[in-house]
């Protein structure tokens, strides 16, 4: 485990983090803002700022609560989107085609 990972793990065990995480869930009314579904047990509090040096800066607008699968998806999609802003358009096109085909 890297020093950064250790620091993040210690921080996640703090009262400040647990309170902040709870407040983020309440702020979003217990819903995953991507799927609009109820947050499940074990949901994540995703930090939009990917700089690990800013992890402990608890700025509410920089965090969103996500269910585990949404969290995995957002990290996966971000990997493509950050280098290619047409990624979302292509994804939407193929999802729309799937809807068309499956009517």
N, C-alpha and C. Protein backbone atom coordinates (compact mmCIF):
# COMPACT_ATOMS: atom_id res chain seq x y z
N UNK A 1 0.85 -1.18 0.00
CA UNK A 1 0.00 0.00 0.00
C UNK A 1 0.90 1.24 0.00
N UNK A 2 0.60 2.16 -0.90
CA UNK A 2 1.40 3.39 -0.99
C UNK A 2 1.07 4.31 0.20
N UNK A 3 1.92 5.28 0.40
CA UNK A 3 1.70 6.25 1.48
C UNK A 3 0.39 7.01 1.25
N UNK A 4 0.13 7.34 0.00
CA UNK A 4 -1.10 8.05 -0.35
C UNK A 4 -2.34 7.20 -0.02
N UNK A 5 -2.27 5.92 -0.32
CA UNK A 5 -3.39 5.00 -0.02
C UNK A 5 -3.58 4.88 1.49
N UNK A 6 -2.49 4.83 2.23
CA UNK A 6 -2.57 4.75 3.70
C UNK A 6 -3.22 6.01 4.27
N UNK A 7 -2.82 7.16 3.73
CA UNK A 7 -3.38 8.44 4.18
C UNK A 7 -4.89 8.49 3.91
N UNK A 8 -5.28 8.04 2.73
CA UNK A 8 -6.69 8.03 2.36
C UNK A 8 -7.47 7.09 3.28
N UNK A 9 -6.91 5.94 3.58
CA UNK A 9 -7.58 4.96 4.46
C UNK A 9 -7.76 5.52 5.87
N UNK A 10 -6.72 6.17 6.38
CA UNK A 10 -6.82 6.79 7.72
C UNK A 10 -7.90 7.87 7.72
N UNK A 11 -7.91 8.68 6.67
CA UNK A 11 -8.88 9.76 6.59
C UNK A 11 -10.30 9.21 6.54
N UNK A 12 -10.51 8.14 5.79
CA UNK A 12 -11.85 7.54 5.69
C UNK A 12 -12.35 6.98 7.02
N UNK A 13 -11.46 6.75 7.93
CA UNK A 13 -11.85 6.27 9.25
C UNK A 13 -12.17 7.39 10.24
N UNK A 14 -11.96 8.62 9.82
CA UNK A 14 -12.14 9.76 10.73
C UNK A 14 -13.61 10.14 10.88
N UNK A 15 -13.93 10.74 12.01
CA UNK A 15 -15.28 11.24 12.29
C UNK A 15 -15.67 12.32 11.27
N UNK A 16 -14.71 13.18 10.93
CA UNK A 16 -14.98 14.26 9.97
C UNK A 16 -15.45 13.68 8.63
N UNK A 17 -14.76 12.64 8.16
CA UNK A 17 -15.14 12.02 6.88
C UNK A 17 -16.51 11.36 6.97
N UNK A 18 -16.75 10.63 8.04
CA UNK A 18 -18.02 9.92 8.19
C UNK A 18 -19.19 10.90 8.25
N UNK A 19 -19.01 12.00 8.95
CA UNK A 19 -20.05 13.02 9.03
C UNK A 19 -20.25 13.67 7.66
N UNK A 20 -19.16 14.01 7.01
CA UNK A 20 -19.23 14.64 5.69
C UNK A 20 -19.92 13.71 4.69
N UNK A 21 -19.55 12.45 4.69
CA UNK A 21 -20.13 11.46 3.78
C UNK A 21 -21.65 11.37 4.00
N UNK A 22 -22.04 11.33 5.25
CA UNK A 22 -23.47 11.29 5.59
C UNK A 22 -24.18 12.54 5.05
N UNK A 23 -23.56 13.70 5.26
CA UNK A 23 -24.15 14.96 4.79
C UNK A 23 -24.29 14.98 3.26
N UNK A 24 -23.34 14.41 2.55
CA UNK A 24 -23.41 14.34 1.08
C UNK A 24 -24.59 13.46 0.66
N UNK A 25 -24.77 12.34 1.35
CA UNK A 25 -25.91 11.45 1.06
C UNK A 25 -27.24 12.19 1.29
N UNK A 26 -27.32 12.92 2.39
CA UNK A 26 -28.54 13.67 2.71
C UNK A 26 -28.77 14.76 1.67
N UNK A 27 -27.71 15.47 1.29
CA UNK A 27 -27.80 16.54 0.32
C UNK A 27 -28.39 16.03 -1.01
N UNK A 28 -28.09 14.79 -1.34
CA UNK A 28 -28.58 14.20 -2.60
C UNK A 28 -29.83 13.33 -2.36
N UNK A 29 -30.43 13.52 -1.19
CA UNK A 29 -31.70 12.85 -0.84
C UNK A 29 -31.63 11.33 -0.95
N UNK A 30 -30.44 10.78 -0.65
CA UNK A 30 -30.28 9.32 -0.65
C UNK A 30 -30.34 8.68 -2.01
N UNK A 31 -30.09 9.48 -3.07
CA UNK A 31 -30.15 8.95 -4.43
C UNK A 31 -28.82 9.09 -5.16
N UNK A 32 -28.54 8.12 -5.98
CA UNK A 32 -27.40 8.15 -6.88
C UNK A 32 -27.76 9.16 -7.98
N UNK A 33 -27.01 10.26 -8.13
CA UNK A 33 -27.40 11.30 -9.08
C UNK A 33 -27.24 10.91 -10.55
N UNK A 34 -26.58 9.81 -10.84
CA UNK A 34 -26.43 9.35 -12.23
C UNK A 34 -27.62 8.47 -12.61
N UNK A 35 -27.94 7.51 -11.76
CA UNK A 35 -29.03 6.57 -12.07
C UNK A 35 -30.36 7.01 -11.50
N UNK A 36 -30.32 7.95 -10.57
CA UNK A 36 -31.52 8.42 -9.86
C UNK A 36 -32.17 7.31 -9.02
N UNK A 37 -31.39 6.30 -8.67
CA UNK A 37 -31.87 5.19 -7.84
C UNK A 37 -31.40 5.38 -6.41
N UNK A 38 -32.09 4.73 -5.49
CA UNK A 38 -31.75 4.80 -4.07
C UNK A 38 -30.30 4.34 -3.85
N UNK A 39 -29.60 5.06 -2.98
CA UNK A 39 -28.24 4.65 -2.63
C UNK A 39 -28.32 3.37 -1.80
N UNK A 40 -27.54 2.41 -2.18
CA UNK A 40 -27.53 1.12 -1.50
C UNK A 40 -26.47 1.09 -0.41
N UNK A 41 -26.60 0.13 0.48
CA UNK A 41 -25.59 -0.06 1.52
C UNK A 41 -24.24 -0.27 0.84
N UNK A 42 -23.23 0.40 1.32
CA UNK A 42 -21.90 0.28 0.73
C UNK A 42 -21.67 1.23 -0.43
N UNK A 43 -22.59 2.18 -0.61
CA UNK A 43 -22.40 3.16 -1.70
C UNK A 43 -21.13 3.97 -1.44
N UNK A 44 -20.65 4.60 -2.48
CA UNK A 44 -19.40 5.36 -2.43
C UNK A 44 -19.68 6.85 -2.37
N UNK A 45 -18.72 7.60 -1.87
CA UNK A 45 -18.78 9.06 -1.93
C UNK A 45 -17.64 9.45 -2.88
N UNK A 46 -17.99 9.72 -4.13
CA UNK A 46 -17.00 9.95 -5.18
C UNK A 46 -16.49 11.37 -5.18
N UNK A 47 -15.18 11.51 -5.19
CA UNK A 47 -14.53 12.81 -5.23
C UNK A 47 -14.32 13.18 -6.68
N UNK A 48 -14.90 14.27 -7.12
CA UNK A 48 -14.78 14.72 -8.50
C UNK A 48 -13.38 15.23 -8.81
N UNK A 49 -12.67 15.70 -7.80
CA UNK A 49 -11.30 16.19 -7.95
C UNK A 49 -10.37 14.98 -7.88
N UNK A 50 -9.74 14.65 -8.99
CA UNK A 50 -8.92 13.44 -9.06
C UNK A 50 -7.50 13.62 -8.51
N UNK A 51 -7.17 14.82 -8.05
CA UNK A 51 -5.85 15.07 -7.47
C UNK A 51 -5.84 14.53 -6.04
N UNK A 52 -5.05 13.49 -5.81
CA UNK A 52 -5.03 12.86 -4.49
C UNK A 52 -4.59 13.79 -3.37
N UNK A 53 -3.91 14.87 -3.71
CA UNK A 53 -3.50 15.85 -2.71
C UNK A 53 -4.69 16.65 -2.16
N UNK A 54 -5.81 16.60 -2.88
CA UNK A 54 -7.00 17.34 -2.45
C UNK A 54 -8.05 16.45 -1.81
N UNK A 55 -7.72 15.19 -1.58
CA UNK A 55 -8.70 14.23 -1.10
C UNK A 55 -9.36 14.65 0.21
N UNK A 56 -8.58 15.25 1.09
CA UNK A 56 -9.12 15.61 2.41
C UNK A 56 -9.73 17.01 2.45
N UNK A 57 -9.84 17.66 1.30
CA UNK A 57 -10.50 18.97 1.25
C UNK A 57 -11.99 18.71 1.05
N UNK A 58 -12.74 18.88 2.10
CA UNK A 58 -14.15 18.51 2.11
C UNK A 58 -15.03 19.64 1.58
N UNK A 59 -15.04 19.76 0.27
CA UNK A 59 -15.84 20.77 -0.43
C UNK A 59 -17.06 20.04 -0.99
N UNK A 60 -18.25 20.29 -0.45
CA UNK A 60 -19.44 19.53 -0.86
C UNK A 60 -19.67 19.44 -2.37
N UNK A 61 -19.42 20.52 -3.10
CA UNK A 61 -19.62 20.51 -4.55
C UNK A 61 -18.63 19.62 -5.29
N UNK A 62 -17.62 19.12 -4.59
CA UNK A 62 -16.61 18.27 -5.22
C UNK A 62 -16.87 16.78 -4.97
N UNK A 63 -18.00 16.44 -4.37
CA UNK A 63 -18.32 15.04 -4.05
C UNK A 63 -19.74 14.70 -4.48
N UNK A 64 -19.92 13.46 -4.92
CA UNK A 64 -21.27 12.95 -5.19
C UNK A 64 -21.36 11.52 -4.67
N UNK A 65 -22.53 11.15 -4.15
CA UNK A 65 -22.70 9.77 -3.69
C UNK A 65 -23.07 8.89 -4.89
N UNK A 66 -22.44 7.74 -4.98
CA UNK A 66 -22.71 6.83 -6.10
C UNK A 66 -22.81 5.39 -5.60
N UNK A 67 -23.71 4.63 -6.19
CA UNK A 67 -23.72 3.20 -5.93
C UNK A 67 -22.45 2.60 -6.54
N UNK A 68 -22.06 1.43 -6.05
CA UNK A 68 -20.78 0.83 -6.44
C UNK A 68 -20.61 0.70 -7.96
N UNK A 69 -21.63 0.18 -8.65
CA UNK A 69 -21.51 -0.02 -10.09
C UNK A 69 -21.41 1.32 -10.82
N UNK A 70 -22.16 2.32 -10.37
CA UNK A 70 -22.09 3.65 -10.98
C UNK A 70 -20.69 4.22 -10.77
N UNK A 71 -20.14 4.01 -9.58
CA UNK A 71 -18.80 4.52 -9.28
C UNK A 71 -17.76 3.89 -10.20
N UNK A 72 -17.85 2.58 -10.39
CA UNK A 72 -16.93 1.91 -11.31
C UNK A 72 -17.10 2.46 -12.73
N UNK A 73 -18.36 2.61 -13.14
CA UNK A 73 -18.64 3.11 -14.49
C UNK A 73 -18.10 4.51 -14.68
N UNK A 74 -18.29 5.41 -13.71
CA UNK A 74 -17.87 6.80 -13.88
C UNK A 74 -16.35 6.89 -14.00
N UNK A 75 -15.64 6.07 -13.24
CA UNK A 75 -14.17 6.05 -13.36
C UNK A 75 -13.76 5.50 -14.73
N UNK A 76 -14.43 4.45 -15.18
CA UNK A 76 -14.13 3.85 -16.48
C UNK A 76 -14.40 4.87 -17.60
N UNK A 77 -15.59 5.50 -17.57
CA UNK A 77 -15.97 6.45 -18.62
C UNK A 77 -15.06 7.68 -18.60
N UNK A 78 -14.70 8.16 -17.42
CA UNK A 78 -13.83 9.33 -17.31
C UNK A 78 -12.49 9.08 -18.01
N UNK A 79 -12.00 7.86 -17.91
CA UNK A 79 -10.74 7.51 -18.56
C UNK A 79 -10.77 7.76 -20.06
N UNK A 80 -11.91 7.56 -20.68
CA UNK A 80 -12.05 7.83 -22.11
C UNK A 80 -12.44 9.29 -22.37
N UNK A 81 -13.39 9.80 -21.60
CA UNK A 81 -13.94 11.13 -21.82
C UNK A 81 -12.91 12.24 -21.67
N UNK A 82 -12.00 12.11 -20.70
CA UNK A 82 -11.02 13.17 -20.47
C UNK A 82 -10.11 13.39 -21.68
N UNK A 83 -9.94 12.34 -22.50
CA UNK A 83 -9.10 12.46 -23.69
C UNK A 83 -9.89 12.63 -24.97
N UNK A 84 -11.21 12.42 -24.91
CA UNK A 84 -12.03 12.42 -26.12
C UNK A 84 -13.46 12.82 -25.77
N UNK A 85 -13.79 14.10 -25.91
CA UNK A 85 -15.11 14.58 -25.49
C UNK A 85 -16.25 14.08 -26.38
N UNK A 86 -15.95 13.39 -27.47
CA UNK A 86 -16.98 12.80 -28.32
C UNK A 86 -17.40 11.42 -27.81
N UNK A 87 -16.71 10.93 -26.81
CA UNK A 87 -17.01 9.61 -26.23
C UNK A 87 -18.47 9.50 -25.81
N UNK A 88 -18.99 10.49 -25.11
CA UNK A 88 -20.37 10.44 -24.61
C UNK A 88 -21.36 10.44 -25.77
N UNK A 89 -21.08 11.22 -26.80
CA UNK A 89 -21.97 11.23 -27.97
C UNK A 89 -22.04 9.85 -28.62
N UNK A 90 -20.88 9.21 -28.77
CA UNK A 90 -20.86 7.87 -29.37
C UNK A 90 -21.57 6.87 -28.48
N UNK A 91 -21.36 6.96 -27.19
CA UNK A 91 -22.04 6.07 -26.25
C UNK A 91 -23.55 6.25 -26.35
N UNK A 92 -23.99 7.49 -26.36
CA UNK A 92 -25.42 7.76 -26.47
C UNK A 92 -25.99 7.22 -27.78
N UNK A 93 -25.26 7.38 -28.87
CA UNK A 93 -25.72 6.88 -30.16
C UNK A 93 -25.98 5.37 -30.08
N UNK A 94 -25.03 4.63 -29.54
CA UNK A 94 -25.16 3.18 -29.49
C UNK A 94 -26.22 2.74 -28.48
N UNK A 95 -26.38 3.46 -27.41
CA UNK A 95 -27.46 3.15 -26.48
C UNK A 95 -28.82 3.41 -27.13
N UNK A 96 -28.94 4.51 -27.86
CA UNK A 96 -30.17 4.80 -28.59
C UNK A 96 -30.46 3.71 -29.63
N UNK A 97 -29.43 3.24 -30.32
CA UNK A 97 -29.62 2.15 -31.29
C UNK A 97 -30.10 0.89 -30.59
N UNK A 98 -29.59 0.61 -29.42
CA UNK A 98 -30.05 -0.57 -28.68
C UNK A 98 -31.53 -0.45 -28.33
N UNK A 99 -31.94 0.77 -27.92
CA UNK A 99 -33.36 0.99 -27.60
C UNK A 99 -34.20 0.78 -28.85
N UNK A 100 -33.78 1.34 -29.97
CA UNK A 100 -34.49 1.16 -31.24
C UNK A 100 -34.66 -0.31 -31.59
N UNK A 101 -33.59 -1.03 -31.54
CA UNK A 101 -33.57 -2.44 -31.93
C UNK A 101 -34.42 -3.29 -30.99
N UNK A 102 -34.47 -2.90 -29.73
CA UNK A 102 -35.16 -3.72 -28.73
C UNK A 102 -36.60 -3.29 -28.45
N UNK A 103 -37.16 -2.43 -29.29
CA UNK A 103 -38.56 -2.02 -29.11
C UNK A 103 -39.48 -3.15 -29.52
